[in-house]
Full PDB file with SEQRES, HELIX, SHEET, SSBOND, CRYST1, ORIGX, SCALE, CONECT and MASTER records, all heavy atoms in Angstrom:
SEQRES   1 A   38  LEU VAL ALA ASN LYS ALA GLN PHE ALA SER ALA THR HIS          
SEQRES   2 A   38  THR GLN GLU MET ASP HIS MET ARG LYS ILE ILE ALA ASP          
SEQRES   3 A   38  HIS MET LYS THR SER LEU GLU THR SER ALA HIS VAL              
HELIX    1 AA1 VAL A    2  SER A   10  1                                   9    
HELIX    2 AA2 HIS A   19  THR A   34  1                                  16    
CRYST1    1.000    1.000    1.000  90.00  90.00  90.00 P 1           1          
ORIGX1      1.000000  0.000000  0.000000        0.00000                         
ORIGX2      0.000000  1.000000  0.000000        0.00000                         
ORIGX3      0.000000  0.000000  1.000000        0.00000                         
SCALE1      1.000000  0.000000  0.000000        0.00000                         
SCALE2      0.000000  1.000000  0.000000        0.00000                         
SCALE3      0.000000  0.000000  1.000000        0.00000                         
ATOM      1  N   LEU A   1     118.344  72.608  80.116  1.00  0.00           N  
ATOM      2  CA  LEU A   1     117.955  72.513  81.511  1.00  0.00           C  
ATOM      3  C   LEU A   1     116.470  72.221  81.650  1.00  0.00           C  
ATOM      4  O   LEU A   1     116.054  71.377  82.445  1.00  0.00           O  
ATOM      5  CB  LEU A   1     118.304  73.807  82.257  1.00  0.00           C  
ATOM      6  CG  LEU A   1     119.794  74.114  82.381  1.00  0.00           C  
ATOM      7  CD1 LEU A   1     119.997  75.481  83.023  1.00  0.00           C  
ATOM      8  CD2 LEU A   1     120.482  73.043  83.212  1.00  0.00           C  
ATOM      9  N   VAL A   2     115.641  72.917  80.842  1.00  0.00           N  
ATOM     10  CA  VAL A   2     114.205  72.695  80.866  1.00  0.00           C  
ATOM     11  C   VAL A   2     113.889  71.275  80.425  1.00  0.00           C  
ATOM     12  O   VAL A   2     113.059  70.585  81.019  1.00  0.00           O  
ATOM     13  CB  VAL A   2     113.477  73.723  79.969  1.00  0.00           C  
ATOM     14  CG1 VAL A   2     111.995  73.356  79.851  1.00  0.00           C  
ATOM     15  CG2 VAL A   2     113.631  75.123  80.530  1.00  0.00           C  
ATOM     16  N   ALA A   3     114.552  70.825  79.352  1.00  0.00           N  
ATOM     17  CA  ALA A   3     114.335  69.477  78.846  1.00  0.00           C  
ATOM     18  C   ALA A   3     114.741  68.423  79.855  1.00  0.00           C  
ATOM     19  O   ALA A   3     114.038  67.439  80.057  1.00  0.00           O  
ATOM     20  CB  ALA A   3     115.116  69.289  77.547  1.00  0.00           C  
ATOM     21  N   ASN A   4     115.900  68.636  80.529  1.00  0.00           N  
ATOM     22  CA  ASN A   4     116.362  67.682  81.521  1.00  0.00           C  
ATOM     23  C   ASN A   4     115.394  67.588  82.687  1.00  0.00           C  
ATOM     24  O   ASN A   4     115.084  66.499  83.178  1.00  0.00           O  
ATOM     25  CB  ASN A   4     117.745  68.081  82.048  1.00  0.00           C  
ATOM     26  CG  ASN A   4     118.849  67.754  81.059  1.00  0.00           C  
ATOM     27  OD1 ASN A   4     118.624  66.992  80.130  1.00  0.00           O  
ATOM     28  ND2 ASN A   4     120.018  68.328  81.249  1.00  0.00           N  
ATOM     29  N   LYS A   5     114.909  68.757  83.150  1.00  0.00           N  
ATOM     30  CA  LYS A   5     113.979  68.761  84.280  1.00  0.00           C  
ATOM     31  C   LYS A   5     112.671  68.094  83.907  1.00  0.00           C  
ATOM     32  O   LYS A   5     112.090  67.333  84.684  1.00  0.00           O  
ATOM     33  CB  LYS A   5     113.732  70.191  84.760  1.00  0.00           C  
ATOM     34  CG  LYS A   5     114.932  70.834  85.409  1.00  0.00           C  
ATOM     35  CD  LYS A   5     114.635  72.187  85.966  1.00  0.00           C  
ATOM     36  CE  LYS A   5     113.786  72.110  87.191  1.00  0.00           C  
ATOM     37  NZ  LYS A   5     113.601  73.438  87.849  1.00  0.00           N  
ATOM     38  N   ALA A   6     112.171  68.371  82.681  1.00  0.00           N  
ATOM     39  CA  ALA A   6     110.931  67.772  82.231  1.00  0.00           C  
ATOM     40  C   ALA A   6     111.069  66.258  82.089  1.00  0.00           C  
ATOM     41  O   ALA A   6     110.192  65.495  82.490  1.00  0.00           O  
ATOM     42  CB  ALA A   6     110.511  68.385  80.900  1.00  0.00           C  
ATOM     43  N   GLN A   7     112.215  65.816  81.514  1.00  0.00           N  
ATOM     44  CA  GLN A   7     112.472  64.396  81.361  1.00  0.00           C  
ATOM     45  C   GLN A   7     112.563  63.700  82.713  1.00  0.00           C  
ATOM     46  O   GLN A   7     112.038  62.612  82.908  1.00  0.00           O  
ATOM     47  CB  GLN A   7     113.759  64.174  80.554  1.00  0.00           C  
ATOM     48  CG  GLN A   7     114.067  62.703  80.279  1.00  0.00           C  
ATOM     49  CD  GLN A   7     115.356  62.545  79.505  1.00  0.00           C  
ATOM     50  OE1 GLN A   7     116.102  63.482  79.329  1.00  0.00           O  
ATOM     51  NE2 GLN A   7     115.643  61.342  79.034  1.00  0.00           N  
ATOM     52  N   PHE A   8     113.249  64.357  83.660  1.00  0.00           N  
ATOM     53  CA  PHE A   8     113.406  63.797  84.986  1.00  0.00           C  
ATOM     54  C   PHE A   8     112.068  63.685  85.703  1.00  0.00           C  
ATOM     55  O   PHE A   8     111.781  62.693  86.360  1.00  0.00           O  
ATOM     56  CB  PHE A   8     114.374  64.652  85.804  1.00  0.00           C  
ATOM     57  CG  PHE A   8     114.671  64.113  87.150  1.00  0.00           C  
ATOM     58  CD1 PHE A   8     115.577  63.095  87.315  1.00  0.00           C  
ATOM     59  CD2 PHE A   8     114.033  64.613  88.276  1.00  0.00           C  
ATOM     60  CE1 PHE A   8     115.862  62.585  88.558  1.00  0.00           C  
ATOM     61  CE2 PHE A   8     114.303  64.098  89.519  1.00  0.00           C  
ATOM     62  CZ  PHE A   8     115.225  63.091  89.661  1.00  0.00           C  
ATOM     63  N   ALA A   9     111.229  64.732  85.541  1.00  0.00           N  
ATOM     64  CA  ALA A   9     109.949  64.764  86.237  1.00  0.00           C  
ATOM     65  C   ALA A   9     109.002  63.692  85.727  1.00  0.00           C  
ATOM     66  O   ALA A   9     108.172  63.164  86.481  1.00  0.00           O  
ATOM     67  CB  ALA A   9     109.316  66.143  86.100  1.00  0.00           C  
ATOM     68  N   SER A  10     109.096  63.364  84.403  1.00  0.00           N  
ATOM     69  CA  SER A  10     108.173  62.413  83.812  1.00  0.00           C  
ATOM     70  C   SER A  10     108.738  60.994  83.726  1.00  0.00           C  
ATOM     71  O   SER A  10     108.066  60.092  83.256  1.00  0.00           O  
ATOM     72  CB  SER A  10     107.778  62.882  82.410  1.00  0.00           C  
ATOM     73  OG  SER A  10     108.919  62.967  81.560  1.00  0.00           O  
ATOM     74  N   ALA A  11     109.995  60.823  84.157  1.00  0.00           N  
ATOM     75  CA  ALA A  11     110.648  59.530  84.010  1.00  0.00           C  
ATOM     76  C   ALA A  11     110.015  58.475  84.908  1.00  0.00           C  
ATOM     77  O   ALA A  11     109.718  58.725  86.063  1.00  0.00           O  
ATOM     78  CB  ALA A  11     112.128  59.659  84.320  1.00  0.00           C  
ATOM     79  N   THR A  12     109.800  57.303  84.357  1.00  0.00           N  
ATOM     80  CA  THR A  12     109.330  56.147  85.101  1.00  0.00           C  
ATOM     81  C   THR A  12     110.271  55.002  84.827  1.00  0.00           C  
ATOM     82  O   THR A  12     110.549  54.694  83.675  1.00  0.00           O  
ATOM     83  CB  THR A  12     107.905  55.756  84.693  1.00  0.00           C  
ATOM     84  OG1 THR A  12     107.007  56.839  84.940  1.00  0.00           O  
ATOM     85  CG2 THR A  12     107.448  54.538  85.478  1.00  0.00           C  
ATOM     86  N   HIS A  13     110.738  54.366  85.890  1.00  0.00           N  
ATOM     87  CA  HIS A  13     111.651  53.250  85.694  1.00  0.00           C  
ATOM     88  C   HIS A  13     111.495  52.236  86.811  1.00  0.00           C  
ATOM     89  O   HIS A  13     110.945  52.532  87.866  1.00  0.00           O  
ATOM     90  CB  HIS A  13     113.100  53.745  85.634  1.00  0.00           C  
ATOM     91  CG  HIS A  13     113.627  54.267  86.932  1.00  0.00           C  
ATOM     92  ND1 HIS A  13     113.315  55.515  87.413  1.00  0.00           N  
ATOM     93  CD2 HIS A  13     114.442  53.700  87.867  1.00  0.00           C  
ATOM     94  CE1 HIS A  13     113.908  55.705  88.575  1.00  0.00           C  
ATOM     95  NE2 HIS A  13     114.602  54.621  88.870  1.00  0.00           N  
ATOM     96  N   THR A  14     111.957  51.058  86.562  1.00  0.00           N  
ATOM     97  CA  THR A  14     111.921  49.966  87.529  1.00  0.00           C  
ATOM     98  C   THR A  14     113.336  49.496  87.785  1.00  0.00           C  
ATOM     99  O   THR A  14     114.124  49.351  86.837  1.00  0.00           O  
ATOM    100  CB  THR A  14     111.078  48.795  87.001  1.00  0.00           C  
ATOM    101  OG1 THR A  14     109.750  49.244  86.727  1.00  0.00           O  
ATOM    102  CG2 THR A  14     111.016  47.668  88.036  1.00  0.00           C  
ATOM    103  N   GLN A  15     113.678  49.290  89.047  1.00  0.00           N  
ATOM    104  CA  GLN A  15     115.006  48.821  89.376  1.00  0.00           C  
ATOM    105  C   GLN A  15     114.948  47.838  90.530  1.00  0.00           C  
ATOM    106  O   GLN A  15     114.000  47.841  91.339  1.00  0.00           O  
ATOM    107  CB  GLN A  15     115.939  49.986  89.733  1.00  0.00           C  
ATOM    108  CG  GLN A  15     115.563  50.716  91.008  1.00  0.00           C  
ATOM    109  CD  GLN A  15     116.509  51.865  91.308  1.00  0.00           C  
ATOM    110  OE1 GLN A  15     116.872  52.625  90.419  1.00  0.00           O  
ATOM    111  NE2 GLN A  15     116.906  52.009  92.569  1.00  0.00           N  
ATOM    112  N   GLU A  16     115.941  46.992  90.602  1.00  0.00           N  
ATOM    113  CA  GLU A  16     116.051  46.014  91.671  1.00  0.00           C  
ATOM    114  C   GLU A  16     116.393  46.703  92.988  1.00  0.00           C  
ATOM    115  O   GLU A  16     117.145  47.671  93.024  1.00  0.00           O  
ATOM    116  CB  GLU A  16     117.129  44.980  91.313  1.00  0.00           C  
ATOM    117  CG  GLU A  16     117.280  43.834  92.290  1.00  0.00           C  
ATOM    118  CD  GLU A  16     116.184  42.817  92.225  1.00  0.00           C  
ATOM    119  OE1 GLU A  16     115.349  42.922  91.269  1.00  0.00           O  
ATOM    120  OE2 GLU A  16     116.124  41.936  93.090  1.00  0.00           O  
ATOM    121  N   MET A  17     115.815  46.234  94.081  1.00  0.00           N  
ATOM    122  CA  MET A  17     116.179  46.736  95.399  1.00  0.00           C  
ATOM    123  C   MET A  17     117.657  46.523  95.638  1.00  0.00           C  
ATOM    124  O   MET A  17     118.222  45.508  95.216  1.00  0.00           O  
ATOM    125  CB  MET A  17     115.403  46.017  96.505  1.00  0.00           C  
ATOM    126  CG  MET A  17     113.944  46.347  96.614  1.00  0.00           C  
ATOM    127  SD  MET A  17     113.206  45.447  98.031  1.00  0.00           S  
ATOM    128  CE  MET A  17     111.531  46.060  97.989  1.00  0.00           C  
ATOM    129  N   ASP A  18     118.305  47.486  96.331  1.00  0.00           N  
ATOM    130  CA  ASP A  18     119.688  47.245  96.707  1.00  0.00           C  
ATOM    131  C   ASP A  18     119.749  46.288  97.885  1.00  0.00           C  
ATOM    132  O   ASP A  18     118.714  45.889  98.448  1.00  0.00           O  
ATOM    133  CB  ASP A  18     120.432  48.550  97.013  1.00  0.00           C  
ATOM    134  CG  ASP A  18     119.828  49.343  98.166  1.00  0.00           C  
ATOM    135  OD1 ASP A  18     119.170  48.737  99.039  1.00  0.00           O  
ATOM    136  OD2 ASP A  18     120.033  50.571  98.215  1.00  0.00           O  
ATOM    137  N   HIS A  19     120.954  45.899  98.257  1.00  0.00           N  
ATOM    138  CA  HIS A  19     121.145  44.867  99.268  1.00  0.00           C  
ATOM    139  C   HIS A  19     120.511  45.237 100.602  1.00  0.00           C  
ATOM    140  O   HIS A  19     119.791  44.423 101.217  1.00  0.00           O  
ATOM    141  CB  HIS A  19     122.644  44.611  99.445  1.00  0.00           C  
ATOM    142  CG  HIS A  19     122.973  43.506 100.398  1.00  0.00           C  
ATOM    143  ND1 HIS A  19     123.328  43.728 101.710  1.00  0.00           N  
ATOM    144  CD2 HIS A  19     122.978  42.174 100.253  1.00  0.00           C  
ATOM    145  CE1 HIS A  19     123.560  42.587 102.305  1.00  0.00           C  
ATOM    146  NE2 HIS A  19     123.359  41.616 101.453  1.00  0.00           N  
ATOM    147  N   MET A  20     120.756  46.467 101.065  1.00  0.00           N  
ATOM    148  CA  MET A  20     120.211  46.876 102.367  1.00  0.00           C  
ATOM    149  C   MET A  20     118.695  46.938 102.361  1.00  0.00           C  
ATOM    150  O   MET A  20     118.040  46.536 103.325  1.00  0.00           O  
ATOM    151  CB  MET A  20     120.800  48.230 102.794  1.00  0.00           C  
ATOM    152  CG  MET A  20     120.318  48.707 104.159  1.00  0.00           C  
ATOM    153  SD  MET A  20     121.121  50.186 104.776  1.00  0.00           S  
ATOM    154  CE  MET A  20     122.711  49.518 105.244  1.00  0.00           C  
ATOM    155  N   ARG A  21     118.112  47.448 101.264  1.00  0.00           N  
ATOM    156  CA  ARG A  21     116.653  47.533 101.196  1.00  0.00           C  
ATOM    157  C   ARG A  21     116.024  46.148 101.220  1.00  0.00           C  
ATOM    158  O   ARG A  21     114.970  45.942 101.816  1.00  0.00           O  
ATOM    159  CB  ARG A  21     116.254  48.307  99.932  1.00  0.00           C  
ATOM    160  CG  ARG A  21     114.745  48.448  99.695  1.00  0.00           C  
ATOM    161  CD  ARG A  21     114.006  48.986 100.898  1.00  0.00           C  
ATOM    162  NE  ARG A  21     114.513  50.248 101.364  1.00  0.00           N  
ATOM    163  CZ  ARG A  21     114.107  50.860 102.468  1.00  0.00           C  
ATOM    164  NH1 ARG A  21     113.196  50.295 103.237  1.00  0.00           N  
ATOM    165  NH2 ARG A  21     114.628  52.007 102.824  1.00  0.00           N  
ATOM    166  N   LYS A  22     116.644  45.155 100.596  1.00  0.00           N  
ATOM    167  CA  LYS A  22     116.143  43.776 100.632  1.00  0.00           C  
ATOM    168  C   LYS A  22     116.141  43.252 102.064  1.00  0.00           C  
ATOM    169  O   LYS A  22     115.200  42.586 102.497  1.00  0.00           O  
ATOM    170  CB  LYS A  22     116.988  42.880  99.732  1.00  0.00           C  
ATOM    171  CG  LYS A  22     116.795  43.125  98.240  1.00  0.00           C  
ATOM    172  CD  LYS A  22     117.709  42.218  97.436  1.00  0.00           C  
ATOM    173  CE  LYS A  22     117.549  42.470  95.940  1.00  0.00           C  
ATOM    174  NZ  LYS A  22     118.485  41.618  95.145  1.00  0.00           N  
ATOM    175  N   ILE A  23     117.217  43.545 102.793  1.00  0.00           N  
ATOM    176  CA  ILE A  23     117.318  43.100 104.188  1.00  0.00           C  
ATOM    177  C   ILE A  23     116.214  43.733 105.036  1.00  0.00           C  
ATOM    178  O   ILE A  23     115.535  43.067 105.819  1.00  0.00           O  
ATOM    179  CB  ILE A  23     118.696  43.443 104.771  1.00  0.00           C  
ATOM    180  CG1 ILE A  23     119.784  42.629 104.074  1.00  0.00           C  
ATOM    181  CG2 ILE A  23     118.734  43.167 106.279  1.00  0.00           C  
ATOM    182  CD1 ILE A  23     121.184  43.038 104.469  1.00  0.00           C  
ATOM    183  N   ILE A  24     116.038  45.041 104.865  1.00  0.00           N  
ATOM    184  CA  ILE A  24     115.010  45.758 105.623  1.00  0.00           C  
ATOM    185  C   ILE A  24     113.624  45.208 105.313  1.00  0.00           C  
ATOM    186  O   ILE A  24     112.821  44.951 106.214  1.00  0.00           O  
ATOM    187  CB  ILE A  24     115.063  47.264 105.309  1.00  0.00           C  
ATOM    188  CG1 ILE A  24     116.372  47.867 105.820  1.00  0.00           C  
ATOM    189  CG2 ILE A  24     113.883  47.995 105.937  1.00  0.00           C  
ATOM    190  CD1 ILE A  24     116.622  49.263 105.321  1.00  0.00           C  
ATOM    191  N   ALA A  25     113.347  45.012 104.024  1.00  0.00           N  
ATOM    192  CA  ALA A  25     112.042  44.502 103.621  1.00  0.00           C  
ATOM    193  C   ALA A  25     111.774  43.135 104.249  1.00  0.00           C  
ATOM    194  O   ALA A  25     110.668  42.873 104.748  1.00  0.00           O  
ATOM    195  CB  ALA A  25     111.968  44.407 102.090  1.00  0.00           C  
ATOM    196  N   ASP A  26     112.771  42.277 104.248  1.00  0.00           N  
ATOM    197  CA  ASP A  26     112.623  40.934 104.827  1.00  0.00           C  
ATOM    198  C   ASP A  26     112.399  41.012 106.335  1.00  0.00           C  
ATOM    199  O   ASP A  26     111.518  40.313 106.868  1.00  0.00           O  
ATOM    200  CB  ASP A  26     113.865  40.102 104.510  1.00  0.00           C  
ATOM    201  CG  ASP A  26     113.769  38.669 105.016  1.00  0.00           C  
ATOM    202  OD1 ASP A  26     112.874  37.940 104.559  1.00  0.00           O  
ATOM    203  OD2 ASP A  26     114.586  38.294 105.889  1.00  0.00           O  
ATOM    204  N   HIS A  27     113.181  41.865 107.028  1.00  0.00           N  
ATOM    205  CA  HIS A  27     113.039  41.986 108.482  1.00  0.00           C  
ATOM    206  C   HIS A  27     111.678  42.546 108.870  1.00  0.00           C  
ATOM    207  O   HIS A  27     111.042  42.079 109.837  1.00  0.00           O  
ATOM    208  CB  HIS A  27     114.150  42.859 109.045  1.00  0.00           C  
ATOM    209  CG  HIS A  27     115.475  42.173 109.082  1.00  0.00           C  
ATOM    210  ND1 HIS A  27     116.623  42.745 109.602  1.00  0.00           N  
ATOM    211  CD2 HIS A  27     115.850  40.945 108.671  1.00  0.00           C  
ATOM    212  CE1 HIS A  27     117.628  41.917 109.488  1.00  0.00           C  
ATOM    213  NE2 HIS A  27     117.200  40.813 108.915  1.00  0.00           N  
ATOM    214  N   MET A  28     111.212  43.576 108.151  1.00  0.00           N  
ATOM    215  CA  MET A  28     109.930  44.183 108.482  1.00  0.00           C  
ATOM    216  C   MET A  28     108.781  43.194 108.254  1.00  0.00           C  
ATOM    217  O   MET A  28     107.864  43.088 109.070  1.00  0.00           O  
ATOM    218  CB  MET A  28     109.711  45.443 107.653  1.00  0.00           C  
ATOM    219  CG  MET A  28     110.710  46.567 107.931  1.00  0.00           C  
ATOM    220  SD  MET A  28     110.682  47.186 109.639  1.00  0.00           S  
ATOM    221  CE  MET A  28     112.091  46.273 110.333  1.00  0.00           C  
ATOM    222  N   LYS A  29     108.822  42.484 107.135  1.00  0.00           N  
ATOM    223  CA  LYS A  29     107.789  41.494 106.826  1.00  0.00           C  
ATOM    224  C   LYS A  29     107.776  40.378 107.868  1.00  0.00           C  
ATOM    225  O   LYS A  29     106.719  39.974 108.344  1.00  0.00           O  
ATOM    226  CB  LYS A  29     108.023  40.931 105.424  1.00  0.00           C  
ATOM    227  CG  LYS A  29     106.953  39.960 104.928  1.00  0.00           C  
ATOM    228  CD  LYS A  29     107.206  39.609 103.469  1.00  0.00           C  
ATOM    229  CE  LYS A  29     106.140  38.656 102.935  1.00  0.00           C  
ATOM    230  NZ  LYS A  29     106.251  37.337 103.472  1.00  0.00           N  
ATOM    231  N   THR A  30     108.973  39.912 108.232  1.00  0.00           N  
ATOM    232  CA  THR A  30     109.077  38.856 109.234  1.00  0.00           C  
ATOM    233  C   THR A  30     108.525  39.308 110.577  1.00  0.00           C  
ATOM    234  O   THR A  30     107.837  38.553 111.271  1.00  0.00           O  
ATOM    235  CB  THR A  30     110.550  38.422 109.400  1.00  0.00           C  
ATOM    236  OG1 THR A  30     111.037  37.918 108.163  1.00  0.00           O  
ATOM    237  CG2 THR A  30     110.675  37.344 110.469  1.00  0.00           C  
ATOM    238  N   SER A  31     108.819  40.556 110.959  1.00  0.00           N  
ATOM    239  CA  SER A  31     108.338  41.077 112.230  1.00  0.00           C  
ATOM    240  C   SER A  31     106.818  41.128 112.281  1.00  0.00           C  
ATOM    241  O   SER A  31     106.206  40.723 113.271  1.00  0.00           O  
ATOM    242  CB  SER A  31     108.913  42.468 112.491  1.00  0.00           C  
ATOM    243  OG  SER A  31     108.488  42.956 113.742  1.00  0.00           O  
ATOM    244  N   LEU A  32     106.189  41.612 111.216  1.00  0.00           N  
ATOM    245  CA  LEU A  32     104.737  41.702 111.175  1.00  0.00           C  
ATOM    246  C   LEU A  32     104.093  40.316 111.193  1.00  0.00           C  
ATOM    247  O   LEU A  32     103.009  40.130 111.737  1.00  0.00           O  
ATOM    248  CB  LEU A  32     104.286  42.482 109.941  1.00  0.00           C  
ATOM    249  CG  LEU A  32     104.559  43.997 109.971  1.00  0.00           C  
ATOM    250  CD1 LEU A  32     104.221  44.626 108.624  1.00  0.00           C  
ATOM    251  CD2 LEU A  32     103.771  44.672 111.088  1.00  0.00           C  
ATOM    252  N   GLU A  33     104.762  39.339 110.574  1.00  0.00           N  
ATOM    253  CA  GLU A  33     104.243  37.977 110.548  1.00  0.00           C  
ATOM    254  C   GLU A  33     104.457  37.249 111.871  1.00  0.00           C  
ATOM    255  O   GLU A  33     103.753  36.295 112.183  1.00  0.00           O  
ATOM    256  CB  GLU A  33     104.902  37.179 109.410  1.00  0.00           C  
ATOM    257  CG  GLU A  33     104.526  37.666 108.020  1.00  0.00           C  
ATOM    258  CD  GLU A  33     105.304  36.950 106.927  1.00  0.00           C  
ATOM    259  OE1 GLU A  33     106.314  36.281 107.281  1.00  0.00           O  
ATOM    260  OE2 GLU A  33     104.919  37.053 105.747  1.00  0.00           O  
ATOM    261  N   THR A  34     105.447  37.719 112.672  1.00  0.00           N  
ATOM    262  CA  THR A  34     105.817  37.029 113.906  1.00  0.00           C  
ATOM    263  C   THR A  34     105.075  37.574 115.120  1.00  0.00           C  
ATOM    264  O   THR A  34     104.483  36.816 115.901  1.00  0.00           O  
ATOM    265  CB  THR A  34     107.336  37.154 114.147  1.00  0.00           C  
ATOM    266  OG1 THR A  34     108.048  36.599 113.046  1.00  0.00           O  
ATOM    267  CG2 THR A  34     107.729  36.421 115.432  1.00  0.00           C  
ATOM    268  N   SER A  35     105.107  38.888 115.306  1.00  0.00           N  
ATOM    269  CA  SER A  35     104.571  39.520 116.510  1.00  0.00           C  
ATOM    270  C   SER A  35     103.128  39.967 116.328  1.00  0.00           C  
ATOM    271  O   SER A  35     102.710  40.317 115.217  1.00  0.00           O  
ATOM    272  CB  SER A  35     105.418  40.719 116.920  1.00  0.00           C  
ATOM    273  OG  SER A  35     106.729  40.346 117.249  1.00  0.00           O  
ATOM    274  N   ALA A  36     102.387  39.955 117.428  1.00  0.00           N  
ATOM    275  CA  ALA A  36     101.040  40.522 117.449  1.00  0.00           C  
ATOM    276  C   ALA A  36     101.164  41.982 117.864  1.00  0.00           C  
ATOM    277  O   ALA A  36     101.183  42.311 119.057  1.00  0.00           O  
ATOM    278  CB  ALA A  36     100.163  39.749 118.435  1.00  0.00           C  
ATOM    279  N   HIS A  37     101.295  42.865 116.870  1.00  0.00           N  
ATOM    280  CA  HIS A  37     101.575  44.286 117.122  1.00  0.00           C  
ATOM    281  C   HIS A  37     100.379  45.012 117.721  1.00  0.00           C  
ATOM    282  O   HIS A  37      99.251  44.919 117.204  1.00  0.00           O  
ATOM    283  CB  HIS A  37     101.977  44.987 115.827  1.00  0.00           C  
ATOM    284  CG  HIS A  37     103.393  44.752 115.398  1.00  0.00           C  
ATOM    285  ND1 HIS A  37     103.846  43.527 114.966  1.00  0.00           N  
ATOM    286  CD2 HIS A  37     104.459  45.598 115.349  1.00  0.00           C  
ATOM    287  CE1 HIS A  37     105.117  43.622 114.649  1.00  0.00           C  
ATOM    288  NE2 HIS A  37     105.519  44.862 114.875  1.00  0.00           N  
ATOM    289  N   VAL A  38     100.624  45.722 118.811  1.00  0.00           N  
ATOM    290  CA  VAL A  38      99.649  46.624 119.411  1.00  0.00           C  
ATOM    291  C   VAL A  38     100.375  47.925 119.742  1.00  0.00           C  
ATOM    292  O   VAL A  38     101.558  47.896 120.109  1.00  0.00           O  
ATOM    293  CB  VAL A  38      99.024  46.030 120.691  1.00  0.00           C  
ATOM    294  CG1 VAL A  38      98.032  47.006 121.314  1.00  0.00           C  
ATOM    295  CG2 VAL A  38      98.322  44.709 120.382  1.00  0.00           C  
TER     296      VAL A  38                                                      
MASTER        0    0    0    2    0    0    0    6  295    1    0    3          
END                                                                             
């Protein structure tokens, strides 16, 4: 248990965005590029 928690706490990994996160990222970026936010 201690080893698992330590491994989990120190783990670093890279993964591809899932489908929904890609959509959100695209929409948010597009909105900031399109509108003059105030």
